[in-house]
C-alpha atoms as a PDB file:
ATOM      1  CA  MET A   1      24.807   7.605 -22.869  1.00  0.00           C
ATOM      2  CA  ASN A   2      27.823   9.810 -22.364  1.00  0.00           C
ATOM      3  CA  ALA A   3      28.348  11.952 -19.311  1.00  0.00           C
ATOM      4  CA  HIS A   4      29.494  15.484 -19.948  1.00  0.00           C
ATOM      5  CA  LEU A   5      32.135  16.364 -17.401  1.00  0.00           C
ATOM      6  CA  THR A   6      32.618  19.994 -16.548  1.00  0.00           C
ATOM      7  CA  THR A   7      35.611  21.668 -15.027  1.00  0.00           C
ATOM      8  CA  ASP A   8      33.402  24.069 -13.106  1.00  0.00           C
ATOM      9  CA  ASP A   9      34.955  23.816  -9.646  1.00  0.00           C
ATOM     10  CA  ARG A  10      32.447  25.875  -7.719  1.00  0.00           C
ATOM     11  CA  SER A  11      32.912  25.691  -4.010  1.00  0.00           C
ATOM     12  CA  PRO A  12      29.989  24.765  -1.744  1.00  0.00           C
ATOM     13  CA  ALA A  13      30.085  28.296  -0.338  1.00  0.00           C
ATOM     14  CA  LEU A  14      29.364  29.769  -3.764  1.00  0.00           C
ATOM     15  CA  ALA A  15      26.537  27.302  -4.320  1.00  0.00           C
ATOM     16  CA  LEU A  16      25.080  28.158  -0.918  1.00  0.00           C
ATOM     17  CA  GLU A  17      25.299  31.871  -1.671  1.00  0.00           C
ATOM     18  CA  ALA A  18      23.424  31.272  -4.919  1.00  0.00           C
ATOM     19  CA  LEU A  19      20.700  29.364  -3.050  1.00  0.00           C
ATOM     20  CA  VAL A  20      20.347  32.138  -0.474  1.00  0.00           C
ATOM     21  CA  ALA A  21      20.193  34.761  -3.212  1.00  0.00           C
ATOM     22  CA  ARG A  22      17.495  32.839  -5.046  1.00  0.00           C
ATOM     23  CA  HIS A  23      15.320  31.544  -2.172  1.00  0.00           C
ATOM     24  CA  GLY A  24      16.185  33.669   0.856  1.00  0.00           C
ATOM     25  CA  LEU A  25      18.136  32.976   4.026  1.00  0.00           C
ATOM     26  CA  VAL A  26      15.194  31.796   6.140  1.00  0.00           C
ATOM     27  CA  ARG A  27      13.968  29.260   3.597  1.00  0.00           C
ATOM     28  CA  VAL A  28      17.458  27.842   3.009  1.00  0.00           C
ATOM     29  CA  ALA A  29      18.184  27.654   6.754  1.00  0.00           C
ATOM     30  CA  LEU A  30      14.874  25.907   7.528  1.00  0.00           C
ATOM     31  CA  THR A  31      15.363  23.419   4.714  1.00  0.00           C
ATOM     32  CA  LEU A  32      18.898  22.682   5.857  1.00  0.00           C
ATOM     33  CA  ALA A  33      17.720  22.202   9.456  1.00  0.00           C
ATOM     34  CA  ARG A  34      14.953  19.853   8.294  1.00  0.00           C
ATOM     35  CA  LEU A  35      17.415  17.794   6.254  1.00  0.00           C
ATOM     36  CA  LEU A  36      19.874  17.552   9.137  1.00  0.00           C
ATOM     37  CA  ALA A  37      17.163  16.549  11.638  1.00  0.00           C
ATOM     38  CA  ARG A  38      15.708  13.833   9.410  1.00  0.00           C
ATOM     39  CA  ARG A  39      16.415  10.270  10.441  1.00  0.00           C
ATOM     40  CA  PRO A  40      18.127   8.153   7.818  1.00  0.00           C
ATOM     41  CA  ALA A  41      15.812   5.813   5.964  1.00  0.00           C
ATOM     42  CA  ARG A  42      16.122   2.209   7.044  1.00  0.00           C
ATOM     43  CA  PRO A  43      16.048  -0.445   4.380  1.00  0.00           C
ATOM     44  CA  SER A  44      12.938  -2.556   4.546  1.00  0.00           C
ATOM     45  CA  ALA A  45      13.305  -5.999   6.061  1.00  0.00           C
ATOM     46  CA  LEU A  46      13.438  -8.794   3.518  1.00  0.00           C
ATOM     47  CA  HIS A  47      11.751 -11.987   4.622  1.00  0.00           C
ATOM     48  CA  ASP A  48      12.315 -15.415   3.150  1.00  0.00           C
ATOM     49  CA  HIS A  49       8.745 -15.631   1.846  1.00  0.00           C
ATOM     50  CA  ASP A  50       9.397 -12.510  -0.273  1.00  0.00           C
ATOM     51  CA  LEU A  51      12.133 -14.235  -2.279  1.00  0.00           C
ATOM     52  CA  PRO A  52      11.395 -15.839  -5.642  1.00  0.00           C
ATOM     53  CA  ASP A  53      11.796 -19.613  -5.906  1.00  0.00           C
ATOM     54  CA  ARG A  54      15.041 -19.393  -7.898  1.00  0.00           C
ATOM     55  CA  LEU A  55      16.735 -17.436  -5.088  1.00  0.00           C
ATOM     56  CA  ARG A  56      15.192 -19.674  -2.429  1.00  0.00           C
ATOM     57  CA  ARG A  57      16.678 -22.696  -4.206  1.00  0.00           C
ATOM     58  CA  ASP A  58      20.120 -21.041  -4.404  1.00  0.00           C
ATOM     59  CA  ILE A  59      20.322 -20.533  -0.646  1.00  0.00           C
ATOM     60  CA  GLY A  60      18.873 -23.920   0.258  1.00  0.00           C
ATOM     61  CA  LEU A  61      15.276 -23.055   1.122  1.00  0.00           C
ATOM     62  CA  GLU A  62      12.243 -25.075   0.063  1.00  0.00           C
ATOM     63  CA  ARG A  63      10.045 -23.817  -2.769  1.00  0.00           C
ATOM     64  CA  LEU A  64       6.907 -21.949  -1.826  1.00  0.00           C
ATOM     65  CA  PRO A  65       3.657 -23.846  -2.352  1.00  0.00           C
ATOM     66  CA  GLU A  66       1.982 -22.990  -5.627  1.00  0.00           C
ATOM     67  CA  SER A  67      -0.814 -20.471  -5.199  1.00  0.00           C
ATOM     68  CA  THR A  68      -4.407 -21.366  -5.985  1.00  0.00           C
ATOM     69  CA  ARG A  69      -5.372 -20.596  -9.544  1.00  0.00           C
ATOM     70  CA  TYR A  70      -8.899 -19.343  -9.115  1.00  0.00           C
ATOM     71  CA  TRP A  71      -9.490 -19.077 -12.855  1.00  0.00           C
ATOM     72  CA  GLN A  72      -9.073 -22.882 -13.192  1.00  0.00           C
ATOM     73  CA  LEU A  73     -11.662 -23.878 -10.558  1.00  0.00           C
END
């Protein structure tokens, strides 16, 4: 896949003016305020029991016990 680079050097002010013209000042201002007030997303905690056995082996952890195969009972 090739990226098509453009030389369109539009300033953020022009882009903001286009947004206001299209959606209205109130809607753009409320959306901007909501985005600025939002807390950044925290990455989820990764626990050692979530790791596959190959990664557990690489960092020196024991393998997880094999799960029960109910279809073989």
